[in-house]
Structure formats: C-alpha cells, structure tokens
C-alpha atoms as a PDB file:
ATOM      1  CA  MET A   1      -0.096  -0.098  -0.117  1.00  0.00           C
ATOM      2  CA  SER A   2       1.317   3.818  -0.293  1.00  0.00           C
ATOM      3  CA  GLU A   3       2.735   5.026   2.384  1.00  0.00           C
ATOM      4  CA  THR A   4       0.422   7.796   2.336  1.00  0.00           C
ATOM      5  CA  ILE A   5      -2.803   5.712   2.679  1.00  0.00           C
ATOM      6  CA  GLU A   6      -1.468   2.825   4.726  1.00  0.00           C
ATOM      7  CA  ASN A   7      -0.531   4.661   7.306  1.00  0.00           C
ATOM      8  CA  LEU A   8      -3.464   7.025   8.503  1.00  0.00           C
ATOM      9  CA  PRO A   9      -4.481   6.303  11.772  1.00  0.00           C
ATOM     10  CA  LEU A  10      -8.059   5.296  11.813  1.00  0.00           C
ATOM     11  CA  LYS A  11     -10.818   4.032  14.277  1.00  0.00           C
ATOM     12  CA  ARG A  12     -13.324   1.393  13.966  1.00  0.00           C
ATOM     13  CA  ILE A  13     -17.181   2.075  14.681  1.00  0.00           C
ATOM     14  CA  ASP A  14     -16.013   0.514  18.346  1.00  0.00           C
ATOM     15  CA  GLY A  15     -13.108   3.275  18.841  1.00  0.00           C
ATOM     16  CA  LYS A  16     -10.397   0.548  18.518  1.00  0.00           C
ATOM     17  CA  ASP A  17      -7.055   1.963  16.709  1.00  0.00           C
ATOM     18  CA  GLU A  18      -6.504   0.664  12.744  1.00  0.00           C
ATOM     19  CA  SER A  19      -5.209   1.902   9.473  1.00  0.00           C
ATOM     20  CA  LEU A  20      -5.064   0.790   5.887  1.00  0.00           C
ATOM     21  CA  SER A  21      -1.779  -1.465   6.864  1.00  0.00           C
ATOM     22  CA  ASP A  22      -3.934  -4.021   8.546  1.00  0.00           C
ATOM     23  CA  TYR A  23      -5.335  -4.708   4.914  1.00  0.00           C
ATOM     24  CA  ARG A  24      -1.737  -4.630   3.289  1.00  0.00           C
ATOM     25  CA  GLY A  25      -2.506  -7.282   0.304  1.00  0.00           C
ATOM     26  CA  LYS A  26      -6.373  -7.149   0.076  1.00  0.00           C
ATOM     27  CA  VAL A  27      -8.535  -5.321  -2.591  1.00  0.00           C
ATOM     28  CA  LEU A  28     -10.649  -2.720  -0.720  1.00  0.00           C
ATOM     29  CA  LEU A  29     -13.777  -1.357  -1.757  1.00  0.00           C
ATOM     30  CA  ILE A  30     -13.989   2.218   0.334  1.00  0.00           C
ATOM     31  CA  VAL A  31     -17.816   3.492   0.952  1.00  0.00           C
ATOM     32  CA  ASN A  32     -18.711   6.495   2.623  1.00  0.00           C
ATOM     33  CA  VAL A  33     -21.937   5.532   3.903  1.00  0.00           C
ATOM     34  CA  ALA A  34     -25.195   6.522   5.646  1.00  0.00           C
ATOM     35  CA  SER A  35     -28.384   5.279   7.727  1.00  0.00           C
ATOM     36  CA  LYS A  36     -31.420   7.299   6.350  1.00  0.00           C
ATOM     37  CA  CYS A  37     -30.497   7.882   2.693  1.00  0.00           C
ATOM     38  CA  GLY A  38     -32.491   6.379  -0.550  1.00  0.00           C
ATOM     39  CA  PHE A  39     -29.393   4.515  -1.297  1.00  0.00           C
ATOM     40  CA  THR A  40     -29.113   3.174   2.155  1.00  0.00           C
ATOM     41  CA  PRO A  41     -30.406  -0.168   0.527  1.00  0.00           C
ATOM     42  CA  GLN A  42     -27.062  -1.085  -0.918  1.00  0.00           C
ATOM     43  CA  TYR A  43     -25.815  -2.141   2.424  1.00  0.00           C
ATOM     44  CA  GLU A  44     -27.344  -5.488   1.789  1.00  0.00           C
ATOM     45  CA  GLY A  45     -25.524  -5.486  -1.714  1.00  0.00           C
ATOM     46  CA  LEU A  46     -22.212  -4.528  -0.176  1.00  0.00           C
ATOM     47  CA  GLU A  47     -22.346  -7.072   2.263  1.00  0.00           C
ATOM     48  CA  ARG A  48     -23.206  -9.790  -0.393  1.00  0.00           C
ATOM     49  CA  LEU A  49     -20.025  -8.622  -2.036  1.00  0.00           C
ATOM     50  CA  PHE A  50     -17.978  -9.013   1.315  1.00  0.00           C
ATOM     51  CA  ALA A  51     -19.396 -12.451   1.790  1.00  0.00           C
ATOM     52  CA  ARG A  52     -19.059 -13.136  -1.998  1.00  0.00           C
ATOM     53  CA  PHE A  53     -14.916 -12.044  -2.032  1.00  0.00           C
ATOM     54  CA  ARG A  54     -13.829 -11.767   1.180  1.00  0.00           C
ATOM     55  CA  ASN A  55     -11.878 -15.270   1.373  1.00  0.00           C
ATOM     56  CA  ARG A  56     -10.333 -14.286  -2.180  1.00  0.00           C
ATOM     57  CA  GLY A  57      -8.457 -11.306  -0.184  1.00  0.00           C
ATOM     58  CA  PHE A  58     -11.280  -8.765  -0.463  1.00  0.00           C
ATOM     59  CA  ALA A  59     -12.913  -6.238   1.983  1.00  0.00           C
ATOM     60  CA  VAL A  60     -15.832  -3.388   2.045  1.00  0.00           C
ATOM     61  CA  LEU A  61     -14.948  -0.903   4.121  1.00  0.00           C
ATOM     62  CA  GLY A  62     -17.588   1.465   5.178  1.00  0.00           C
ATOM     63  CA  PHE A  63     -17.135   5.109   6.289  1.00  0.00           C
ATOM     64  CA  PRO A  64     -20.535   6.850   7.699  1.00  0.00           C
ATOM     65  CA  ALA A  65     -20.187  10.328   7.065  1.00  0.00           C
ATOM     66  CA  ASN A  66     -23.187  13.073   8.050  1.00  0.00           C
ATOM     67  CA  ASP A  67     -21.918  15.308   4.978  1.00  0.00           C
ATOM     68  CA  PHE A  68     -25.719  14.824   2.653  1.00  0.00           C
ATOM     69  CA  ALA A  69     -28.207  16.453   3.839  1.00  0.00           C
ATOM     70  CA  ALA A  70     -27.119  15.241   7.385  1.00  0.00           C
ATOM     71  CA  GLN A  71     -28.529  11.253   6.577  1.00  0.00           C
ATOM     72  CA  GLU A  72     -26.070  10.378   8.681  1.00  0.00           C
ATOM     73  CA  PRO A  73     -27.223  11.732  12.512  1.00  0.00           C
ATOM     74  CA  GLY A  74     -26.294   9.139  14.799  1.00  0.00           C
ATOM     75  CA  THR A  75     -23.680   8.375  17.481  1.00  0.00           C
ATOM     76  CA  ASN A  76     -21.026   5.767  16.365  1.00  0.00           C
ATOM     77  CA  ALA A  77     -22.958   2.838  18.747  1.00  0.00           C
ATOM     78  CA  GLU A  78     -26.577   3.844  16.653  1.00  0.00           C
ATOM     79  CA  ILE A  79     -24.879   3.351  13.400  1.00  0.00           C
ATOM     80  CA  ALA A  80     -22.969   0.459  14.629  1.00  0.00           C
ATOM     81  CA  GLN A  81     -26.201  -0.602  15.852  1.00  0.00           C
ATOM     82  CA  PHE A  82     -28.487   0.333  12.773  1.00  0.00           C
ATOM     83  CA  CYS A  83     -26.090  -1.512  10.369  1.00  0.00           C
ATOM     84  CA  THR A  84     -26.211  -5.246  12.298  1.00  0.00           C
ATOM     85  CA  THR A  85     -29.812  -5.296  13.099  1.00  0.00           C
ATOM     86  CA  ASN A  86     -31.407  -3.687   9.661  1.00  0.00           C
ATOM     87  CA  PHE A  87     -29.099  -5.439   7.345  1.00  0.00           C
ATOM     88  CA  GLY A  88     -26.244  -7.814   8.929  1.00  0.00           C
ATOM     89  CA  VAL A  89     -23.337  -5.910   7.853  1.00  0.00           C
ATOM     90  CA  LYS A  90     -19.982  -7.705   8.848  1.00  0.00           C
ATOM     91  CA  PHE A  91     -17.751  -5.711   6.809  1.00  0.00           C
ATOM     92  CA  PRO A  92     -16.014  -3.531   8.832  1.00  0.00           C
ATOM     93  CA  ILE A  93     -17.232  -0.069   9.387  1.00  0.00           C
ATOM     94  CA  PHE A  94     -15.288   2.936  10.709  1.00  0.00           C
ATOM     95  CA  GLU A  95     -16.354   5.954  13.274  1.00  0.00           C
ATOM     96  CA  LYS A  96     -18.097   8.739  11.859  1.00  0.00           C
ATOM     97  CA  ILE A  97     -16.036  10.900   9.295  1.00  0.00           C
ATOM     98  CA  THR A  98     -15.996  13.798   6.738  1.00  0.00           C
ATOM     99  CA  VAL A  99     -15.646  12.937   3.584  1.00  0.00           C
ATOM    100  CA  VAL A 100     -15.671  16.840   1.491  1.00  0.00           C
ATOM    101  CA  GLY A 101     -14.854  20.337   2.120  1.00  0.00           C
ATOM    102  CA  ALA A 102     -11.687  21.741   3.980  1.00  0.00           C
ATOM    103  CA  ARG A 103     -12.505  19.123   7.012  1.00  0.00           C
ATOM    104  CA  LYS A 104     -12.279  15.729   4.865  1.00  0.00           C
ATOM    105  CA  HIS A 105     -10.173  13.025   6.575  1.00  0.00           C
ATOM    106  CA  PRO A 106      -7.079  12.517   4.731  1.00  0.00           C
ATOM    107  CA  LEU A 107      -7.758   9.211   3.744  1.00  0.00           C
ATOM    108  CA  TYR A 108     -10.704  10.484   1.315  1.00  0.00           C
ATOM    109  CA  ALA A 109      -8.394  13.564  -0.017  1.00  0.00           C
ATOM    110  CA  SER A 110      -5.982  10.973  -1.119  1.00  0.00           C
ATOM    111  CA  LEU A 111      -8.975   8.657  -2.572  1.00  0.00           C
ATOM    112  CA  ILE A 112     -10.365  11.809  -4.917  1.00  0.00           C
ATOM    113  CA  LYS A 113      -6.999  13.188  -5.358  1.00  0.00           C
ATOM    114  CA  ALA A 114      -6.016   9.526  -6.930  1.00  0.00           C
ATOM    115  CA  GLN A 115      -9.294   9.171  -8.562  1.00  0.00           C
ATOM    116  CA  PRO A 116     -11.345  12.574  -9.188  1.00  0.00           C
ATOM    117  CA  LYS A 117     -14.300  11.444 -11.616  1.00  0.00           C
ATOM    118  CA  PRO A 118     -15.938   8.170 -10.539  1.00  0.00           C
ATOM    119  CA  THR A 119     -18.334   5.967 -13.021  1.00  0.00           C
ATOM    120  CA  THR A 120     -21.728   6.380 -13.212  1.00  0.00           C
ATOM    121  CA  ASN A 121     -24.853   4.851 -14.571  1.00  0.00           C
ATOM    122  CA  THR A 122     -27.017   8.235 -14.708  1.00  0.00           C
ATOM    123  CA  HIS A 123     -25.931  10.500 -18.026  1.00  0.00           C
ATOM    124  CA  ASP A 124     -26.146  13.293 -15.259  1.00  0.00           C
ATOM    125  CA  LEU A 125     -25.923  11.980 -11.502  1.00  0.00           C
ATOM    126  CA  ARG A 126     -25.574  15.497 -10.182  1.00  0.00           C
ATOM    127  CA  GLN A 127     -28.513  16.896 -12.132  1.00  0.00           C
ATOM    128  CA  HIS A 128     -31.110  13.562 -11.283  1.00  0.00           C
ATOM    129  CA  LEU A 129     -29.750  15.287  -7.257  1.00  0.00           C
ATOM    130  CA  ILE A 130     -30.669  18.753  -8.310  1.00  0.00           C
ATOM    131  CA  ASP A 131     -34.072  17.541  -9.926  1.00  0.00           C
ATOM    132  CA  PHE A 132     -34.443  15.963  -6.155  1.00  0.00           C
ATOM    133  CA  GLY A 133     -33.911  19.232  -4.454  1.00  0.00           C
ATOM    134  CA  VAL A 134     -30.024  18.511  -3.132  1.00  0.00           C
ATOM    135  CA  THR A 135     -27.027  20.698  -3.888  1.00  0.00           C
ATOM    136  CA  PRO A 136     -24.615  18.220  -4.989  1.00  0.00           C
ATOM    137  CA  ASN A 137     -20.919  18.706  -4.377  1.00  0.00           C
ATOM    138  CA  GLU A 138     -18.641  19.980  -7.613  1.00  0.00           C
ATOM    139  CA  GLU A 139     -15.988  17.279  -8.731  1.00  0.00           C
ATOM    140  CA  PRO A 140     -13.975  16.352  -7.928  1.00  0.00           C
ATOM    141  CA  GLU A 141     -15.402  16.122  -4.166  1.00  0.00           C
ATOM    142  CA  VAL A 142     -17.854  12.772  -3.170  1.00  0.00           C
ATOM    143  CA  LEU A 143     -21.003  13.743  -4.931  1.00  0.00           C
ATOM    144  CA  TRP A 144     -23.602  11.450  -2.088  1.00  0.00           C
ATOM    145  CA  ASN A 145     -23.252   8.874   0.302  1.00  0.00           C
ATOM    146  CA  PHE A 146     -22.260   5.510  -1.388  1.00  0.00           C
ATOM    147  CA  GLU A 147     -19.794   6.753  -3.341  1.00  0.00           C
ATOM    148  CA  LYS A 148     -17.038   3.660  -4.060  1.00  0.00           C
ATOM    149  CA  PHE A 149     -13.414   3.521  -4.233  1.00  0.00           C
ATOM    150  CA  LEU A 150     -11.562   0.502  -5.442  1.00  0.00           C
ATOM    151  CA  VAL A 151      -7.818   0.038  -4.175  1.00  0.00           C
ATOM    152  CA  ASP A 152      -5.773  -2.904  -5.153  1.00  0.00           C
ATOM    153  CA  ARG A 153      -3.825  -5.024  -3.384  1.00  0.00           C
ATOM    154  CA  ALA A 154      -0.985  -2.427  -3.257  1.00  0.00           C
ATOM    155  CA  GLY A 155      -2.844   0.047  -2.039  1.00  0.00           C
ATOM    156  CA  THR A 156      -3.250   2.182  -5.086  1.00  0.00           C
ATOM    157  CA  PRO A 157      -6.763   3.440  -5.688  1.00  0.00           C
ATOM    158  CA  ILE A 158      -7.909   2.149  -9.357  1.00  0.00           C
ATOM    159  CA  ALA A 159     -11.541   2.881  -9.871  1.00  0.00           C
ATOM    160  CA  ARG A 160     -14.387   5.629  -8.008  1.00  0.00           C
ATOM    161  CA  PHE A 161     -18.063   4.511  -8.713  1.00  0.00           C
ATOM    162  CA  ALA A 162     -20.872   7.166  -8.561  1.00  0.00           C
ATOM    163  CA  PRO A 163     -23.445   6.180  -6.016  1.00  0.00           C
ATOM    164  CA  ASP A 164     -25.973   4.972  -8.138  1.00  0.00           C
ATOM    165  CA  VAL A 165     -23.597   2.212  -8.889  1.00  0.00           C
ATOM    166  CA  GLU A 166     -24.721  -0.331  -7.359  1.00  0.00           C
ATOM    167  CA  PRO A 167     -22.418  -2.691  -5.187  1.00  0.00           C
ATOM    168  CA  GLU A 168     -22.993  -5.937  -7.823  1.00  0.00           C
ATOM    169  CA  ASP A 169     -23.050  -3.879 -10.897  1.00  0.00           C
ATOM    170  CA  ALA A 170     -20.454  -5.580 -13.096  1.00  0.00           C
ATOM    171  CA  LYS A 171     -18.610  -2.382 -13.528  1.00  0.00           C
ATOM    172  CA  VAL A 172     -17.607  -3.224  -9.847  1.00  0.00           C
ATOM    173  CA  THR A 173     -18.100  -6.807  -9.611  1.00  0.00           C
ATOM    174  CA  ASP A 174     -16.209  -7.375 -12.965  1.00  0.00           C
ATOM    175  CA  ARG A 175     -13.414  -5.232 -11.508  1.00  0.00           C
ATOM    176  CA  ILE A 176     -13.302  -6.394  -8.523  1.00  0.00           C
ATOM    177  CA  GLU A 177     -12.811 -10.292 -10.016  1.00  0.00           C
ATOM    178  CA  ALA A 178     -10.055  -8.895 -12.364  1.00  0.00           C
ATOM    179  CA  GLU A 179      -8.118  -7.126  -9.276  1.00  0.00           C
ATOM    180  CA  LEU A 180      -8.510 -10.617  -7.296  1.00  0.00           C
ATOM    181  CA  SER A 181      -7.052 -12.573 -10.259  1.00  0.00           C
ATOM    182  CA  ARG A 182      -3.640 -10.720 -10.275  1.00  0.00           C
END
C-alpha cells in the first residue's frame, strides 16, 4: 500500500485504532455510508460482495459520513446497531468522518486525488440530484452517500463509482474479479 494511505490513522466504529496497513495485500472497496439515505439499501449489496469475495482477499470498508443532507445523524454506537440490526453488516465499519470540504479525512483526500471522477450509471447524476432539490458538490468532491473507491492489493485507488452504481453492478464486480485474479 502506498505510504500515504497505508499509515493514516483510522478508528473502527467501536473506537479501536486501525490503519489500512491492517488490510495490506487485499483488494478494498471503500464506501462512505449513511443510514437515512435513498441509497442506504446498498448495505445489502455491499454485505453480499463482502461475503462473496472475502475469502479471496477482499474487504469492504464502510465510513459513515453526515456530509449529505444530514443523512447520518447518529452516534457511532447508533450507526453500528443500525448496520447490524437492519442489514446484518459484517464488513468493517469505521467511526463517522467527514468526506468533503476543508475538514475531509486524509483518506478521502487521497482517494479523491487519485480518482477525481467517478463512473456513473446516470447520464448526469448531478442533475438528477438537483432535480430532487439537492445541491451536490462539484467534482472532484464526493458527490453523495455510497460513493465507492476500489483500491488494488498494492494500496492504489484504481476506480471510483458514483452512488448510482450498485455494489453488485458488473462495473464493480468485474473490476473486483480482475483485481483478485492478479
């Protein structure tokens, strides 16, 4: 993993210290998550991906963020309970962080710098959000909850998927399969 990403201090949702070096050699899907979002059902797909590929060196890492219409207002304990009770989440969830703006977590600053433009399923997801009365962030910032960054075994961010790309979309699973086969 690249030094800058690998050694960033992280905390699991239970407060345990961790870093991405704990996932050295794995393919990662890093996702900013929220419990009160229209995309929240993606937890199910993320959990299925984790179950499907984890024995091959894959992990989903969830990072709750309250940056988009206050859709993750809970405490870390409330978020952990929500994830396990409602979606049976077993993949690692980390403490709530900021993923946009001047206070964004260094992990997200690195991910965005490496992958400034996401793959999307909607011709213009930004306009779609505006039509729903939402003011989305400008690129390269994270657009909304459930944006996904794929990181290869060496720790290099290699792909970015917009929130409208479901976790089990072929765009995602084909890239995961390709990376796991290397």
